[in-house]
Amino acid sequence: MVTTLAEASKRFVAELNNLLGREVRVVLHNGEIYRGVLHAVDNQLNIVLANATNNAGEKYQRVFIMYRYIVHIDSAEKRVDLREFAKHAEKIFPGMVKYVEETNTVLIGDKVRVSEIGVEGVGPVAERAKRLLEEWLKAQGLA
């Protein structure tokens, strides 16, 4: 499979968006490390962390970090791979389930989206998907 630069860029943005609202660890060029909730990102990749602490134990309500100082960002939370959930959901919703690898989401029909954050959508399919996700997470030891 050939991936174009545009597709790769789209995947990068999707991965970064998946981290919004989650706890991350940010390592800077000078060796400082900040942990906090990724609150905002701009188009240059400057970031804002909420409820952050640095490696010296200092606490900050908000930390603004310019992109040029960032060595890397990683999730401090365990990531749930929804690929297996998609296989499980296919048994309940045959022919209606699609797993989207780039964003680690499951689409059920055309109105329900399941992500690590939860289930988006309304109606009977969304309600069943919510119960199914809760059951699956418990069975996996993730809830």
C-alpha atoms as a PDB file:
ATOM      1  CA  MET A   1       0.000   0.000   0.000  1.00  0.00           C
ATOM      2  CA  VAL A   2       1.411   3.373  -1.001  1.00  0.00           C
ATOM      3  CA  THR A   3       0.810   6.220   1.438  1.00  0.00           C
ATOM      4  CA  THR A   4       0.900   9.726   0.066  1.00  0.00           C
ATOM      5  CA  LEU A   5       2.289  12.651   2.028  1.00  0.00           C
ATOM      6  CA  ALA A   6      -1.232  14.072   2.333  1.00  0.00           C
ATOM      7  CA  GLU A   7      -2.515  10.792   3.805  1.00  0.00           C
ATOM      8  CA  ALA A   8       0.420  10.603   6.214  1.00  0.00           C
ATOM      9  CA  SER A   9      -0.190  14.193   7.307  1.00  0.00           C
ATOM     10  CA  LYS A  10      -3.869  13.428   7.841  1.00  0.00           C
ATOM     11  CA  ARG A  11      -2.938  10.417   9.999  1.00  0.00           C
ATOM     12  CA  PHE A  12      -0.522  12.544  12.046  1.00  0.00           C
ATOM     13  CA  VAL A  13      -3.212  15.118  12.783  1.00  0.00           C
ATOM     14  CA  ALA A  14      -5.706  12.360  13.640  1.00  0.00           C
ATOM     15  CA  GLU A  15      -3.244  10.779  16.087  1.00  0.00           C
ATOM     16  CA  LEU A  16      -2.571  14.125  17.727  1.00  0.00           C
ATOM     17  CA  ASN A  17      -6.299  14.850  17.961  1.00  0.00           C
ATOM     18  CA  ASN A  18      -6.767  11.469  19.668  1.00  0.00           C
ATOM     19  CA  LEU A  19      -4.486  12.735  22.448  1.00  0.00           C
ATOM     20  CA  LEU A  20      -6.557  15.870  23.129  1.00  0.00           C
ATOM     21  CA  GLY A  21      -8.108  15.636  26.574  1.00  0.00           C
ATOM     22  CA  ARG A  22      -5.753  12.819  27.603  1.00  0.00           C
ATOM     23  CA  GLU A  23      -2.770  12.763  29.909  1.00  0.00           C
ATOM     24  CA  VAL A  24       0.537  13.032  28.041  1.00  0.00           C
ATOM     25  CA  ARG A  25       4.230  13.244  28.808  1.00  0.00           C
ATOM     26  CA  VAL A  26       6.209  15.900  26.933  1.00  0.00           C
ATOM     27  CA  VAL A  27      10.009  15.737  26.784  1.00  0.00           C
ATOM     28  CA  LEU A  28      11.859  18.955  25.943  1.00  0.00           C
ATOM     29  CA  HIS A  29      15.315  19.521  24.406  1.00  0.00           C
ATOM     30  CA  ASN A  30      16.765  20.598  27.759  1.00  0.00           C
ATOM     31  CA  GLY A  31      15.687  17.340  29.424  1.00  0.00           C
ATOM     32  CA  GLU A  32      12.671  18.775  31.234  1.00  0.00           C
ATOM     33  CA  ILE A  33       9.619  16.562  31.285  1.00  0.00           C
ATOM     34  CA  TYR A  34       6.041  17.768  31.721  1.00  0.00           C
ATOM     35  CA  ARG A  35       3.021  15.591  32.425  1.00  0.00           C
ATOM     36  CA  GLY A  36      -0.473  16.951  31.992  1.00  0.00           C
ATOM     37  CA  VAL A  37      -3.642  16.847  29.971  1.00  0.00           C
ATOM     38  CA  LEU A  38      -3.180  17.905  26.346  1.00  0.00           C
ATOM     39  CA  HIS A  39      -5.557  20.843  26.272  1.00  0.00           C
ATOM     40  CA  ALA A  40      -4.826  22.527  22.933  1.00  0.00           C
ATOM     41  CA  VAL A  41      -2.620  22.339  19.843  1.00  0.00           C
ATOM     42  CA  ASP A  42      -2.236  24.935  17.121  1.00  0.00           C
ATOM     43  CA  ASN A  43      -1.330  24.481  13.450  1.00  0.00           C
ATOM     44  CA  GLN A  44       2.400  24.918  14.228  1.00  0.00           C
ATOM     45  CA  LEU A  45       2.221  22.191  16.917  1.00  0.00           C
ATOM     46  CA  ASN A  46       2.624  24.537  19.866  1.00  0.00           C
ATOM     47  CA  ILE A  47       0.758  22.906  22.752  1.00  0.00           C
ATOM     48  CA  VAL A  48      -1.038  23.746  25.973  1.00  0.00           C
ATOM     49  CA  LEU A  49      -1.028  21.312  28.894  1.00  0.00           C
ATOM     50  CA  ALA A  50      -3.598  21.588  31.679  1.00  0.00           C
ATOM     51  CA  ASN A  51      -2.940  20.519  35.276  1.00  0.00           C
ATOM     52  CA  ALA A  52       0.702  19.886  34.490  1.00  0.00           C
ATOM     53  CA  THR A  53       3.684  18.954  36.605  1.00  0.00           C
ATOM     54  CA  ASN A  54       7.335  19.038  35.653  1.00  0.00           C
ATOM     55  CA  ASN A  55      10.080  16.607  36.647  1.00  0.00           C
ATOM     56  CA  ALA A  56      10.933  18.874  39.615  1.00  0.00           C
ATOM     57  CA  GLY A  57       7.408  18.363  40.970  1.00  0.00           C
ATOM     58  CA  GLU A  58       6.249  21.923  40.265  1.00  0.00           C
ATOM     59  CA  LYS A  59       2.551  22.188  39.406  1.00  0.00           C
ATOM     60  CA  TYR A  60       0.992  24.445  36.767  1.00  0.00           C
ATOM     61  CA  GLN A  61      -2.621  25.070  35.875  1.00  0.00           C
ATOM     62  CA  ARG A  62      -1.606  25.740  32.250  1.00  0.00           C
ATOM     63  CA  VAL A  63       1.737  25.309  30.476  1.00  0.00           C
ATOM     64  CA  PHE A  64       2.289  26.668  26.971  1.00  0.00           C
ATOM     65  CA  ILE A  65       5.107  24.869  25.161  1.00  0.00           C
ATOM     66  CA  MET A  66       6.463  26.033  21.816  1.00  0.00           C
ATOM     67  CA  TYR A  67       6.908  23.302  19.209  1.00  0.00           C
ATOM     68  CA  ARG A  68      10.630  23.959  18.716  1.00  0.00           C
ATOM     69  CA  TYR A  69      11.414  22.845  22.291  1.00  0.00           C
ATOM     70  CA  ILE A  70       9.533  19.537  22.086  1.00  0.00           C
ATOM     71  CA  VAL A  71      11.541  16.351  21.507  1.00  0.00           C
ATOM     72  CA  HIS A  72       8.557  14.048  21.790  1.00  0.00           C
ATOM     73  CA  ILE A  73       5.067  13.610  23.200  1.00  0.00           C
ATOM     74  CA  ASP A  74       3.709  10.296  24.358  1.00  0.00           C
ATOM     75  CA  SER A  75       0.499   9.165  25.932  1.00  0.00           C
ATOM     76  CA  ALA A  76       0.653   8.503  29.645  1.00  0.00           C
ATOM     77  CA  GLU A  77      -2.523   6.428  29.361  1.00  0.00           C
ATOM     78  CA  LYS A  78      -2.892   2.896  28.116  1.00  0.00           C
ATOM     79  CA  ARG A  79      -4.343   2.925  24.609  1.00  0.00           C
ATOM     80  CA  VAL A  80      -7.280   0.692  23.797  1.00  0.00           C
ATOM     81  CA  ASP A  81      -7.007  -0.954  20.365  1.00  0.00           C
ATOM     82  CA  LEU A  82     -10.589  -1.026  19.106  1.00  0.00           C
ATOM     83  CA  ARG A  83      -9.815  -3.442  16.248  1.00  0.00           C
ATOM     84  CA  GLU A  84     -10.898  -6.399  18.394  1.00  0.00           C
ATOM     85  CA  PHE A  85     -14.019  -4.542  19.505  1.00  0.00           C
ATOM     86  CA  ALA A  86     -14.898  -4.066  15.823  1.00  0.00           C
ATOM     87  CA  LYS A  87     -14.706  -7.847  15.285  1.00  0.00           C
ATOM     88  CA  HIS A  88     -16.912  -8.370  18.327  1.00  0.00           C
ATOM     89  CA  ALA A  89     -19.413  -5.714  17.190  1.00  0.00           C
ATOM     90  CA  GLU A  90     -19.602  -7.295  13.718  1.00  0.00           C
ATOM     91  CA  LYS A  91     -21.276 -10.329  15.329  1.00  0.00           C
ATOM     92  CA  ILE A  92     -24.055  -8.101  16.700  1.00  0.00           C
ATOM     93  CA  PHE A  93     -24.263  -5.696  13.749  1.00  0.00           C
ATOM     94  CA  PRO A  94     -23.369  -7.855  10.701  1.00  0.00           C
ATOM     95  CA  GLY A  95     -22.340  -5.852   7.657  1.00  0.00           C
ATOM     96  CA  MET A  96     -22.633  -2.545   9.509  1.00  0.00           C
ATOM     97  CA  VAL A  97     -19.193  -2.301  11.164  1.00  0.00           C
ATOM     98  CA  LYS A  98     -16.088  -0.611   9.799  1.00  0.00           C
ATOM     99  CA  TYR A  99     -12.798  -0.194  11.691  1.00  0.00           C
ATOM    100  CA  VAL A 100     -10.808   2.949  10.819  1.00  0.00           C
ATOM    101  CA  GLU A 101      -7.170   2.260  11.702  1.00  0.00           C
ATOM    102  CA  GLU A 102      -5.910   5.836  11.267  1.00  0.00           C
ATOM    103  CA  THR A 103      -8.137   7.107  14.072  1.00  0.00           C
ATOM    104  CA  ASN A 104      -8.650   3.845  16.020  1.00  0.00           C
ATOM    105  CA  THR A 105     -12.415   4.220  15.692  1.00  0.00           C
ATOM    106  CA  VAL A 106     -15.276   1.906  14.865  1.00  0.00           C
ATOM    107  CA  LEU A 107     -18.157   3.072  12.692  1.00  0.00           C
ATOM    108  CA  ILE A 108     -21.457   1.260  13.098  1.00  0.00           C
ATOM    109  CA  GLY A 109     -23.888   2.102  10.357  1.00  0.00           C
ATOM    110  CA  ASP A 110     -23.701   5.705   9.266  1.00  0.00           C
ATOM    111  CA  LYS A 111     -24.586   7.404  12.560  1.00  0.00           C
ATOM    112  CA  VAL A 112     -22.603   5.744  15.362  1.00  0.00           C
ATOM    113  CA  ARG A 113     -18.910   6.278  16.087  1.00  0.00           C
ATOM    114  CA  VAL A 114     -17.026   4.373  18.778  1.00  0.00           C
ATOM    115  CA  SER A 115     -13.657   5.708  19.959  1.00  0.00           C
ATOM    116  CA  GLU A 116     -11.491   5.384  23.058  1.00  0.00           C
ATOM    117  CA  ILE A 117     -13.499   8.264  24.502  1.00  0.00           C
ATOM    118  CA  GLY A 118     -16.828   6.451  24.107  1.00  0.00           C
ATOM    119  CA  VAL A 119     -19.814   6.188  21.792  1.00  0.00           C
ATOM    120  CA  GLU A 120     -21.112   9.099  19.743  1.00  0.00           C
ATOM    121  CA  GLY A 121     -24.599   8.896  18.294  1.00  0.00           C
ATOM    122  CA  VAL A 122     -28.220   8.552  19.339  1.00  0.00           C
ATOM    123  CA  GLY A 123     -30.931   5.977  18.933  1.00  0.00           C
ATOM    124  CA  PRO A 124     -31.213   2.230  19.473  1.00  0.00           C
ATOM    125  CA  VAL A 125     -27.993   1.329  17.633  1.00  0.00           C
ATOM    126  CA  ALA A 126     -25.991   3.833  19.697  1.00  0.00           C
ATOM    127  CA  GLU A 127     -27.525   2.568  22.949  1.00  0.00           C
ATOM    128  CA  ARG A 128     -26.731  -1.049  22.027  1.00  0.00           C
ATOM    129  CA  ALA A 129     -23.187  -0.037  20.999  1.00  0.00           C
ATOM    130  CA  LYS A 130     -22.677   1.671  24.394  1.00  0.00           C
ATOM    131  CA  ARG A 131     -23.733  -1.473  26.276  1.00  0.00           C
ATOM    132  CA  LEU A 132     -21.637  -3.647  23.982  1.00  0.00           C
ATOM    133  CA  LEU A 133     -18.546  -1.451  24.484  1.00  0.00           C
ATOM    134  CA  GLU A 134     -18.979  -1.472  28.275  1.00  0.00           C
ATOM    135  CA  GLU A 135     -19.296  -5.276  28.300  1.00  0.00           C
ATOM    136  CA  TRP A 136     -16.281  -5.679  26.005  1.00  0.00           C
ATOM    137  CA  LEU A 137     -14.107  -3.315  28.081  1.00  0.00           C
ATOM    138  CA  LYS A 138     -15.008  -5.234  31.264  1.00  0.00           C
ATOM    139  CA  ALA A 139     -14.230  -8.565  29.593  1.00  0.00           C
ATOM    140  CA  GLN A 140     -10.837  -7.159  28.499  1.00  0.00           C
ATOM    141  CA  GLY A 141     -10.118  -5.911  32.038  1.00  0.00           C
ATOM    142  CA  LEU A 142     -10.047  -2.319  30.808  1.00  0.00           C
ATOM    143  CA  ALA A 143     -13.054  -0.951  32.717  1.00  0.00           C
END
